[in-house]
Amino acid sequence: MSPHRENKVVAIAAGGTGGHLFPGIALAQALKRRGVDSHFILGTPRGEDRWLDEYGFEYTRISSTPLFRNLSIRTVNSSVKNIIAVKESLAVIHKLKPDIAVGMGAYTSGPFLISCYLSSVPFVLFEQNLIPGLTNKMLAPLSLHTFVTFEGTKLRANSIHVVGNLIRDDVKPKAKSKALKKLGLKGGRPVLVVIGGSQGAATINRTLIDAFNTGWGKDYSFVIQTGIKDYEYVSSIFREKGIEGICRDFFDDMGAVYGAGDLYIGRSGGGIFEAL
């Protein structure tokens, strides 16, 4: 630790999707309670900054992009950008001087953690999925520890620990009455929560619209998270059909969303199951 700063600093390489970023935020919240500072490392912009700004965590972007296995121009371009990202990461490490780094499995983790290895900065990995992603498969043999959600996760790593999902403080379901008030819902009808993940799910959105077009939904109140891409279309049908409830591209207060619902319809992410 640098002699000129009071708290230890953990660099968290996350981003890409909410499935990688939100567990990182949960970790940062837990570290903050213990007097440890967190600094996030993100890749190319995908809207993550809005969440980190809201939670009050600092971040730095590098030029990392997803890895592709096939031989193509896209693969070459991705490789070049990730080489640049390694150079950028070395500069970030020199400036930030983290005591340890954490990779959440996102593609951003690759260049940054390779740079940590080259700079003798220890790092650990978190794997939220049963089947590990390419980045964690590559980095697990080099990590100090690897933390997994499921006992059945197979990784060649030095030390594996089963810890379950990392859940943000504000995701825990609120009491029903408080949740309804927070979302501005009247109550009196069963509440259906429809969520396709942090970026939305086109199939879920289309299925919901098809159902609304048949006249279904009048007996329920809805809380719908569409994602950015489908928001305008879904919300317009939502208003046109006179559906009761609330429709947004993204909800910041998931504790209110989960607390208000009587039935959840959506993708079956492990984090969602644990939160519910």
Protein backbone atom coordinates (compact mmCIF):
# COMPACT_ATOMS: atom_id res chain seq x y z
CA MET A 1 0.00 0.00 0.00
CA SER A 2 1.20 3.47 -0.84
CA PRO A 3 2.51 5.31 2.27
CA HIS A 4 0.63 8.45 1.17
CA ARG A 5 -2.93 7.07 1.32
CA GLU A 6 -5.02 5.96 4.25
CA ASN A 7 -7.10 3.15 2.73
CA LYS A 8 -6.21 0.12 0.68
CA VAL A 9 -7.39 0.19 -2.93
CA VAL A 10 -8.96 -2.69 -4.85
CA ALA A 11 -9.21 -2.46 -8.64
CA ILE A 12 -12.36 -4.20 -9.90
CA ALA A 13 -12.38 -5.13 -13.60
CA ALA A 14 -16.04 -5.43 -14.56
CA GLY A 15 -18.51 -3.93 -17.02
CA GLY A 16 -19.96 -5.24 -20.24
CA THR A 17 -23.29 -6.36 -18.78
CA GLY A 18 -25.09 -6.02 -15.47
CA GLY A 19 -24.32 -9.67 -14.75
CA HIS A 20 -20.65 -8.75 -14.41
CA LEU A 21 -20.96 -5.19 -13.12
CA PHE A 22 -23.58 -5.57 -10.38
CA PRO A 23 -21.73 -8.30 -8.44
CA GLY A 24 -18.71 -5.99 -8.64
CA ILE A 25 -20.76 -3.18 -7.14
CA ALA A 26 -21.93 -5.54 -4.38
CA LEU A 27 -18.30 -6.37 -3.63
CA ALA A 28 -17.36 -2.67 -3.62
CA GLN A 29 -20.18 -1.93 -1.16
CA ALA A 30 -18.92 -4.65 1.19
CA LEU A 31 -15.34 -3.39 0.90
CA LYS A 32 -16.44 0.18 1.60
CA ARG A 33 -18.00 -0.92 4.89
CA ARG A 34 -14.55 -2.25 5.82
CA GLY A 35 -12.75 0.96 4.92
CA VAL A 36 -11.39 -0.27 1.59
CA ASP A 37 -11.63 1.89 -1.55
CA SER A 38 -12.65 0.43 -4.92
CA HIS A 39 -11.81 1.66 -8.41
CA PHE A 40 -13.59 0.09 -11.38
CA ILE A 41 -11.94 -0.76 -14.69
CA LEU A 42 -14.37 -0.68 -17.62
CA GLY A 43 -14.06 -1.43 -21.32
CA THR A 44 -15.70 0.29 -24.28
CA PRO A 45 -18.80 2.30 -23.22
CA ARG A 46 -21.97 0.26 -22.70
CA GLY A 47 -23.84 2.50 -20.30
CA GLU A 48 -22.23 1.23 -17.10
CA ASP A 49 -21.10 4.68 -16.02
CA ARG A 50 -24.66 5.66 -15.04
CA TRP A 51 -24.71 2.96 -12.37
CA LEU A 52 -21.24 3.67 -11.02
CA ASP A 53 -22.01 7.40 -10.86
CA GLU A 54 -25.18 6.62 -8.91
CA TYR A 55 -23.37 4.40 -6.41
CA GLY A 56 -20.48 6.85 -6.12
CA PHE A 57 -17.61 4.65 -7.32
CA GLU A 58 -14.73 5.91 -9.46
CA TYR A 59 -13.82 4.20 -12.71
CA THR A 60 -11.36 4.23 -15.60
CA ARG A 61 -11.96 2.96 -19.13
CA ILE A 62 -9.55 0.94 -21.24
CA SER A 63 -9.88 -0.07 -24.90
CA SER A 64 -10.72 -3.73 -24.25
CA THR A 65 -13.27 -5.48 -26.47
CA PRO A 66 -14.82 -8.97 -26.47
CA LEU A 67 -12.65 -11.88 -27.59
CA PHE A 68 -13.62 -13.82 -30.73
CA ARG A 69 -12.48 -17.36 -31.50
CA ASN A 70 -12.93 -17.43 -35.28
CA LEU A 71 -10.36 -16.03 -37.71
CA SER A 72 -11.78 -12.84 -39.21
CA ILE A 73 -11.15 -9.10 -39.58
CA ARG A 74 -13.23 -8.60 -36.44
CA THR A 75 -10.92 -10.94 -34.54
CA VAL A 76 -7.83 -9.07 -35.74
CA ASN A 77 -9.34 -5.70 -34.77
CA SER A 78 -10.30 -7.06 -31.35
CA SER A 79 -6.78 -8.41 -30.78
CA VAL A 80 -5.20 -5.06 -31.67
CA LYS A 81 -7.54 -3.17 -29.34
CA ASN A 82 -6.84 -5.58 -26.48
CA ILE A 83 -3.08 -5.18 -26.97
CA ILE A 84 -3.62 -1.42 -26.70
CA ALA A 85 -5.74 -2.08 -23.60
CA VAL A 86 -2.81 -3.90 -21.96
CA LYS A 87 -0.61 -0.84 -22.51
CA GLU A 88 -3.35 1.41 -21.09
CA SER A 89 -3.79 -0.93 -18.12
CA LEU A 90 -0.10 -0.77 -17.26
CA ALA A 91 -0.41 3.02 -17.08
CA VAL A 92 -3.53 2.75 -14.90
CA ILE A 93 -1.78 0.34 -12.53
CA HIS A 94 1.24 2.64 -12.28
CA LYS A 95 -1.03 5.55 -11.35
CA LEU A 96 -3.58 3.73 -9.17
CA LYS A 97 -1.16 1.34 -7.42
CA PRO A 98 -3.89 -1.12 -6.35
CA ASP A 99 -3.15 -3.48 -3.49
CA ILE A 100 -5.05 -6.24 -5.28
CA ALA A 101 -7.26 -6.58 -8.36
CA VAL A 102 -10.52 -8.46 -8.88
CA GLY A 103 -11.79 -9.80 -12.19
CA MET A 104 -15.56 -10.25 -12.48
CA GLY A 105 -15.38 -12.34 -15.66
CA ALA A 106 -16.09 -9.59 -18.17
CA TYR A 107 -13.89 -9.20 -21.24
CA THR A 108 -12.44 -6.08 -19.58
CA SER A 109 -10.76 -8.37 -17.06
CA GLY A 110 -8.43 -9.92 -19.63
CA PRO A 111 -6.08 -7.07 -20.58
CA PHE A 112 -6.19 -5.50 -17.12
CA LEU A 113 -5.42 -8.67 -15.16
CA ILE A 114 -2.67 -9.66 -17.59
CA SER A 115 -1.17 -6.24 -16.86
CA CYS A 116 -1.54 -6.90 -13.13
CA TYR A 117 0.33 -10.18 -13.56
CA LEU A 118 3.11 -8.41 -15.46
CA SER A 119 3.23 -5.74 -12.72
CA SER A 120 3.30 -8.27 -9.84
CA VAL A 121 -0.09 -7.09 -8.57
CA PRO A 122 -2.01 -10.09 -7.14
CA PHE A 123 -5.52 -10.72 -8.43
CA VAL A 124 -8.53 -12.92 -7.72
CA LEU A 125 -11.44 -13.96 -9.94
CA PHE A 126 -15.20 -14.19 -9.48
CA GLU A 127 -17.21 -16.52 -11.73
CA GLN A 128 -20.98 -16.07 -11.46
CA ASN A 129 -21.95 -18.69 -14.08
CA LEU A 130 -21.97 -22.47 -13.84
CA ILE A 131 -20.03 -22.68 -17.11
CA PRO A 132 -17.07 -20.27 -16.96
CA GLY A 133 -16.48 -17.68 -19.65
CA LEU A 134 -13.38 -17.60 -21.84
CA THR A 135 -11.67 -14.82 -19.88
CA ASN A 136 -11.85 -16.62 -16.53
CA LYS A 137 -10.79 -19.92 -18.11
CA MET A 138 -7.64 -18.26 -19.39
CA LEU A 139 -6.82 -16.37 -16.20
CA ALA A 140 -7.78 -18.88 -13.47
CA PRO A 141 -4.36 -20.64 -13.41
CA LEU A 142 -2.71 -17.27 -12.70
CA SER A 143 -5.14 -16.05 -10.03
CA LEU A 144 -4.41 -16.06 -6.31
CA HIS A 145 -7.93 -17.32 -5.56
CA THR A 146 -11.02 -18.03 -7.67
CA PHE A 147 -14.49 -17.55 -6.18
CA VAL A 148 -17.46 -19.31 -7.78
CA THR A 149 -21.22 -19.29 -7.33
CA PHE A 150 -21.83 -22.99 -8.01
CA GLU A 151 -20.09 -26.08 -6.68
CA GLY A 152 -20.22 -27.65 -10.13
CA THR A 153 -18.17 -24.93 -11.81
CA LYS A 154 -15.07 -26.46 -13.39
CA LEU A 155 -11.93 -24.33 -13.57
CA ARG A 156 -8.23 -25.10 -13.49
CA ALA A 157 -7.30 -22.75 -10.67
CA ASN A 158 -4.90 -22.61 -7.74
CA SER A 159 -7.61 -22.23 -5.12
CA ILE A 160 -11.40 -22.37 -5.63
CA HIS A 161 -13.97 -21.18 -3.09
CA VAL A 162 -17.77 -21.52 -3.40
CA VAL A 163 -19.30 -18.25 -2.14
CA GLY A 164 -22.68 -17.94 -3.89
CA ASN A 165 -23.85 -14.75 -5.56
CA LEU A 166 -22.82 -11.24 -4.59
CA ILE A 167 -25.99 -9.19 -4.04
CA ARG A 168 -26.11 -5.39 -3.83
CA ASP A 169 -27.49 -3.88 -0.61
CA ASP A 170 -30.41 -2.19 -2.38
CA VAL A 171 -31.57 -5.29 -4.29
CA LYS A 172 -33.03 -7.01 -1.23
CA PRO A 173 -36.85 -6.90 -1.65
CA LYS A 174 -38.62 -4.08 0.19
CA ALA A 175 -41.87 -4.60 2.10
CA LYS A 176 -44.84 -4.77 -0.29
CA SER A 177 -46.50 -1.53 0.85
CA LYS A 178 -43.24 0.44 0.70
CA ALA A 179 -42.38 -1.02 -2.69
CA LEU A 180 -45.75 -0.10 -4.21
CA LYS A 181 -45.47 3.45 -2.86
CA LYS A 182 -41.91 3.80 -4.17
CA LEU A 183 -43.00 2.78 -7.68
CA GLY A 184 -46.21 4.81 -7.61
CA LEU A 185 -48.49 1.78 -7.99
CA LYS A 186 -52.03 1.79 -6.64
CA GLY A 187 -52.23 -1.79 -5.42
CA GLY A 188 -55.36 -3.92 -5.46
CA ARG A 189 -54.31 -5.99 -8.48
CA PRO A 190 -51.73 -8.77 -8.76
CA VAL A 191 -48.40 -7.24 -9.80
CA LEU A 192 -46.42 -8.95 -12.57
CA VAL A 193 -42.73 -8.06 -12.76
CA VAL A 194 -41.31 -8.60 -16.26
CA ILE A 195 -37.53 -8.20 -16.63
CA GLY A 196 -35.14 -9.28 -19.36
CA GLY A 197 -31.89 -8.52 -17.56
CA SER A 198 -29.97 -5.24 -17.42
CA GLN A 199 -29.95 -4.89 -21.22
CA GLY A 200 -33.43 -6.24 -21.81
CA ALA A 201 -34.43 -9.35 -23.76
CA ALA A 202 -36.04 -8.94 -27.18
CA THR A 203 -37.85 -12.30 -27.02
CA ILE A 204 -39.49 -11.46 -23.69
CA ASN A 205 -40.46 -8.00 -24.95
CA ARG A 206 -41.99 -9.39 -28.17
CA THR A 207 -43.92 -12.06 -26.28
CA LEU A 208 -45.30 -9.44 -23.92
CA ILE A 209 -46.39 -7.17 -26.79
CA ASP A 210 -48.07 -10.09 -28.57
CA ALA A 211 -50.00 -10.84 -25.37
CA PHE A 212 -51.06 -7.19 -24.95
CA ASN A 213 -52.27 -7.15 -28.56
CA THR A 214 -54.69 -10.00 -27.77
CA GLY A 215 -56.26 -7.94 -25.00
CA TRP A 216 -54.53 -9.80 -22.18
CA GLY A 217 -53.23 -7.92 -19.15
CA LYS A 218 -56.21 -5.80 -18.09
CA ASP A 219 -56.56 -7.65 -14.78
CA TYR A 220 -52.98 -7.06 -13.67
CA SER A 221 -50.58 -4.28 -12.80
CA PHE A 222 -47.18 -4.48 -14.49
CA VAL A 223 -43.61 -3.50 -13.67
CA ILE A 224 -41.68 -3.88 -16.93
CA GLN A 225 -37.98 -3.40 -17.61
CA THR A 226 -37.42 -3.40 -21.37
CA GLY A 227 -33.77 -2.46 -21.82
CA ILE A 228 -32.77 0.59 -23.86
CA LYS A 229 -33.24 -0.83 -27.38
CA ASP A 230 -36.91 -1.83 -27.06
CA TYR A 231 -38.07 0.83 -24.63
CA GLU A 232 -39.74 3.26 -27.06
CA TYR A 233 -41.68 0.52 -28.84
CA VAL A 234 -42.78 -1.41 -25.74
CA SER A 235 -43.72 1.72 -23.81
CA SER A 236 -45.81 3.02 -26.73
CA ILE A 237 -47.84 -0.22 -26.86
CA PHE A 238 -48.05 -0.15 -23.06
CA ARG A 239 -49.69 3.28 -23.18
CA GLU A 240 -51.79 2.54 -26.27
CA LYS A 241 -53.39 -0.54 -24.69
CA GLY A 242 -54.04 1.28 -21.40
CA ILE A 243 -52.03 -1.22 -19.33
CA GLU A 244 -51.79 -0.35 -15.65
CA GLY A 245 -48.34 -0.13 -14.12
CA ILE A 246 -44.90 1.24 -14.94
CA CYS A 247 -42.61 0.62 -17.92
CA ARG A 248 -38.94 1.72 -17.95
CA ASP A 249 -35.76 0.88 -19.79
CA PHE A 250 -34.04 0.22 -16.47
CA PHE A 251 -34.92 0.35 -12.76
CA ASP A 252 -32.36 1.66 -10.31
CA ASP A 253 -34.26 0.46 -7.22
CA MET A 254 -34.57 -3.28 -7.78
CA GLY A 255 -35.46 -3.81 -4.13
CA ALA A 256 -38.72 -1.95 -4.78
CA VAL A 257 -39.32 -3.87 -8.01
CA TYR A 258 -38.86 -7.28 -6.40
CA GLY A 259 -40.82 -6.27 -3.31
CA ALA A 260 -43.82 -5.07 -5.34
CA GLY A 261 -44.18 -8.19 -7.46
CA ASP A 262 -46.49 -11.15 -6.92
CA LEU A 263 -45.08 -13.02 -9.92
CA TYR A 264 -41.73 -12.65 -11.68
CA ILE A 265 -41.42 -13.29 -15.43
CA GLY A 266 -37.98 -13.05 -16.98
CA ARG A 267 -34.54 -14.49 -17.45
CA SER A 268 -33.39 -16.98 -14.85
CA GLY A 269 -30.12 -15.44 -13.73
CA GLY A 270 -28.64 -16.84 -10.53
CA GLY A 271 -28.45 -13.36 -9.01
CA ILE A 272 -32.18 -12.85 -9.52
CA PHE A 273 -33.05 -16.14 -7.83
CA GLU A 274 -30.87 -15.31 -4.84
CA ALA A 275 -32.35 -11.81 -4.56
CA LEU A 276 -35.90 -13.13 -4.70
